[in-house]
C-alpha atoms as a PDB file:
ATOM      1  CA  VAL A   1      -0.020   0.015   0.033  1.00  0.00           C
ATOM      2  CA  GLN A   2       1.316   3.454  -0.868  1.00  0.00           C
ATOM      3  CA  LEU A   3       0.048   6.977  -0.740  1.00  0.00           C
ATOM      4  CA  VAL A   4       2.570   9.347  -2.336  1.00  0.00           C
ATOM      5  CA  GLU A   5       1.986  13.093  -2.043  1.00  0.00           C
ATOM      6  CA  SER A   6       3.545  15.658  -4.395  1.00  0.00           C
ATOM      7  CA  GLY A   7       3.217  19.315  -5.324  1.00  0.00           C
ATOM      8  CA  GLY A   8       4.340  21.010  -2.195  1.00  0.00           C
ATOM      9  CA  GLY A   9       6.827  23.909  -2.194  1.00  0.00           C
ATOM     10  CA  LEU A  10       7.424  27.491  -1.346  1.00  0.00           C
ATOM     11  CA  VAL A  11       4.836  30.008  -2.414  1.00  0.00           C
ATOM     12  CA  GLN A  12       4.153  33.638  -1.675  1.00  0.00           C
ATOM     13  CA  PRO A  13       1.077  34.733   0.268  1.00  0.00           C
ATOM     14  CA  GLY A  14      -1.888  34.893  -2.057  1.00  0.00           C
ATOM     15  CA  GLY A  15      -0.448  32.258  -4.322  1.00  0.00           C
ATOM     16  CA  SER A  16      -1.664  28.785  -5.298  1.00  0.00           C
ATOM     17  CA  LEU A  17      -0.478  25.194  -5.153  1.00  0.00           C
ATOM     18  CA  ARG A  18      -2.048  21.932  -6.224  1.00  0.00           C
ATOM     19  CA  LEU A  19      -1.164  18.898  -4.177  1.00  0.00           C
ATOM     20  CA  SER A  20      -1.547  15.401  -5.620  1.00  0.00           C
ATOM     21  CA  CYS A  21      -1.734  12.064  -3.856  1.00  0.00           C
ATOM     22  CA  ALA A  22      -1.149   8.837  -5.832  1.00  0.00           C
ATOM     23  CA  ALA A  23      -2.660   5.703  -4.286  1.00  0.00           C
ATOM     24  CA  SER A  24      -1.749   2.086  -4.926  1.00  0.00           C
ATOM     25  CA  GLY A  25      -2.140  -1.275  -3.339  1.00  0.00           C
ATOM     26  CA  PHE A  26      -5.684  -0.992  -2.088  1.00  0.00           C
ATOM     27  CA  SER A  27      -9.206  -0.518  -3.385  1.00  0.00           C
ATOM     28  CA  PHE A  28      -9.041   3.216  -3.928  1.00  0.00           C
ATOM     29  CA  THR A  29     -12.628   3.545  -5.185  1.00  0.00           C
ATOM     30  CA  THR A  30     -14.024   1.974  -2.035  1.00  0.00           C
ATOM     31  CA  TYR A  31     -12.819   4.598   0.394  1.00  0.00           C
ATOM     32  CA  ALA A  32     -13.212   8.250   1.194  1.00  0.00           C
ATOM     33  CA  MET A  33      -9.993  10.137   1.191  1.00  0.00           C
ATOM     34  CA  SER A  34      -8.761  13.117   3.196  1.00  0.00           C
ATOM     35  CA  TRP A  35      -6.005  15.698   3.391  1.00  0.00           C
ATOM     36  CA  TYR A  36      -4.583  16.590   6.792  1.00  0.00           C
ATOM     37  CA  ARG A  37      -1.893  19.057   7.766  1.00  0.00           C
ATOM     38  CA  GLN A  38       0.448  19.534  10.638  1.00  0.00           C
ATOM     39  CA  ALA A  39       2.209  22.800  11.416  1.00  0.00           C
ATOM     40  CA  PRO A  40       5.294  22.999  13.689  1.00  0.00           C
ATOM     41  CA  GLY A  41       4.257  22.688  17.306  1.00  0.00           C
ATOM     42  CA  LYS A  42       0.672  21.945  16.483  1.00  0.00           C
ATOM     43  CA  GLU A  43      -1.566  18.864  16.271  1.00  0.00           C
ATOM     44  CA  ARG A  44      -2.426  17.348  12.923  1.00  0.00           C
ATOM     45  CA  GLU A  45      -5.674  18.661  11.662  1.00  0.00           C
ATOM     46  CA  LEU A  46      -8.223  17.594   9.033  1.00  0.00           C
ATOM     47  CA  VAL A  47      -8.223  19.981   6.089  1.00  0.00           C
ATOM     48  CA  ALA A  48     -10.581  18.389   3.547  1.00  0.00           C
ATOM     49  CA  HIS A  49     -12.502  15.158   3.009  1.00  0.00           C
ATOM     50  CA  ILE A  50     -14.075  13.582  -0.084  1.00  0.00           C
ATOM     51  CA  THR A  51     -16.356  10.600  -0.318  1.00  0.00           C
ATOM     52  CA  ASN A  52     -15.402   7.541  -2.415  1.00  0.00           C
ATOM     53  CA  THR A  53     -17.422   8.656  -5.366  1.00  0.00           C
ATOM     54  CA  GLY A  54     -16.464  12.282  -5.049  1.00  0.00           C
ATOM     55  CA  SER A  55     -20.066  13.382  -4.683  1.00  0.00           C
ATOM     56  CA  ASN A  56     -19.563  14.939  -1.278  1.00  0.00           C
ATOM     57  CA  THR A  57     -16.766  17.075   0.227  1.00  0.00           C
ATOM     58  CA  ASP A  58     -16.133  18.774   3.536  1.00  0.00           C
ATOM     59  CA  TYR A  59     -13.619  21.370   4.621  1.00  0.00           C
ATOM     60  CA  ALA A  60     -12.111  22.870   7.737  1.00  0.00           C
ATOM     61  CA  GLU A  61     -13.560  26.287   8.387  1.00  0.00           C
ATOM     62  CA  SER A  62     -10.119  27.822   8.014  1.00  0.00           C
ATOM     63  CA  VAL A  63      -9.808  26.726   4.342  1.00  0.00           C
ATOM     64  CA  LYS A  64     -13.365  26.891   3.119  1.00  0.00           C
ATOM     65  CA  GLY A  65     -13.685  28.938  -0.075  1.00  0.00           C
ATOM     66  CA  ARG A  66      -9.899  28.728  -0.701  1.00  0.00           C
ATOM     67  CA  PHE A  67      -9.171  24.980  -0.956  1.00  0.00           C
ATOM     68  CA  THR A  68     -10.816  22.361  -3.185  1.00  0.00           C
ATOM     69  CA  ILE A  69     -10.525  18.620  -2.837  1.00  0.00           C
ATOM     70  CA  SER A  70     -11.161  16.402  -5.799  1.00  0.00           C
ATOM     71  CA  ARG A  71     -10.365  12.850  -6.950  1.00  0.00           C
ATOM     72  CA  ASP A  72      -9.872  10.890 -10.137  1.00  0.00           C
ATOM     73  CA  ASN A  73     -10.825   7.294  -9.447  1.00  0.00           C
ATOM     74  CA  ALA A  74      -9.594   6.116 -12.852  1.00  0.00           C
ATOM     75  CA  LYS A  75      -6.100   7.415 -11.987  1.00  0.00           C
ATOM     76  CA  LYS A  76      -6.367   6.613  -8.281  1.00  0.00           C
ATOM     77  CA  ARG A  77      -5.417  10.116  -7.324  1.00  0.00           C
ATOM     78  CA  VAL A  78      -6.784  12.710  -4.962  1.00  0.00           C
ATOM     79  CA  TYR A  79      -5.958  16.380  -5.262  1.00  0.00           C
ATOM     80  CA  LEU A  80      -5.972  19.506  -3.137  1.00  0.00           C
ATOM     81  CA  GLN A  81      -6.174  22.783  -5.021  1.00  0.00           C
ATOM     82  CA  MET A  82      -5.034  25.534  -2.671  1.00  0.00           C
ATOM     83  CA  ASN A  83      -5.698  29.187  -3.577  1.00  0.00           C
ATOM     84  CA  SER A  84      -5.210  32.475  -1.720  1.00  0.00           C
ATOM     85  CA  LEU A  85      -2.635  30.822   0.423  1.00  0.00           C
ATOM     86  CA  LYS A  86      -1.784  32.457   3.785  1.00  0.00           C
ATOM     87  CA  PRO A  87       1.353  32.065   6.033  1.00  0.00           C
ATOM     88  CA  GLU A  88      -0.811  30.147   8.485  1.00  0.00           C
ATOM     89  CA  ASP A  89      -1.299  27.460   5.813  1.00  0.00           C
ATOM     90  CA  THR A  90       2.338  26.504   6.196  1.00  0.00           C
ATOM     91  CA  ALA A  91       2.515  22.830   7.207  1.00  0.00           C
ATOM     92  CA  VAL A  92       3.260  19.365   6.150  1.00  0.00           C
ATOM     93  CA  TYR A  93       0.256  18.100   4.185  1.00  0.00           C
ATOM     94  CA  TYR A  94      -0.684  14.413   4.395  1.00  0.00           C
ATOM     95  CA  CYS A  95      -3.028  12.243   2.296  1.00  0.00           C
ATOM     96  CA  GLN A  96      -5.023   9.708   4.232  1.00  0.00           C
ATOM     97  CA  GLY A  97      -7.465   7.004   3.276  1.00  0.00           C
ATOM     98  CA  GLY A  98      -8.487   3.350   3.579  1.00  0.00           C
ATOM     99  CA  GLY A  99     -11.158   3.723   6.212  1.00  0.00           C
ATOM    100  CA  ARG A 100     -10.250   1.644   9.334  1.00  0.00           C
ATOM    101  CA  LEU A 101      -7.162   0.567   7.557  1.00  0.00           C
ATOM    102  CA  ASN A 102      -5.999   4.180   7.978  1.00  0.00           C
ATOM    103  CA  TYR A 103      -3.283   4.519   5.336  1.00  0.00           C
ATOM    104  CA  TRP A 104      -1.084   7.658   5.339  1.00  0.00           C
ATOM    105  CA  GLY A 105       1.443   9.255   2.965  1.00  0.00           C
ATOM    106  CA  GLN A 106       4.757  10.577   3.912  1.00  0.00           C
ATOM    107  CA  GLY A 107       3.689  14.175   3.606  1.00  0.00           C
ATOM    108  CA  THR A 108       4.719  17.111   1.428  1.00  0.00           C
ATOM    109  CA  GLN A 109       5.896  20.509   2.794  1.00  0.00           C
ATOM    110  CA  VAL A 110       3.952  23.596   1.996  1.00  0.00           C
ATOM    111  CA  THR A 111       5.524  26.873   2.950  1.00  0.00           C
ATOM    112  CA  VAL A 112       3.768  30.197   2.444  1.00  0.00           C
ATOM    113  CA  SER A 113       6.138  33.083   2.934  1.00  0.00           C
ATOM    114  CA  SER A 114       7.283  36.271   1.249  1.00  0.00           C
END
């Protein structure tokens, strides 16, 4: 089982990034998927969630209207489009899925700074 995130980096405030998570080794279309983040000195928090079909999504209040989660079941990928980024969005972003199997990726660093 693998969840491999990519797309992180350094971006200026107000900029955009698109994170991608490639899944393999499990029945991707069976499970909802989520993006979490963890900033230095803080607990890991749920950022966005998408159901297995992609028909429903949910977001943390802090990112509503700025971030969009989506998935491509044919490609076994889940995405996080992040717009209007703020310094407080700086964190390591993790992809999570698999229900009770609780699979996690290794994370990708997002740094928002001028």
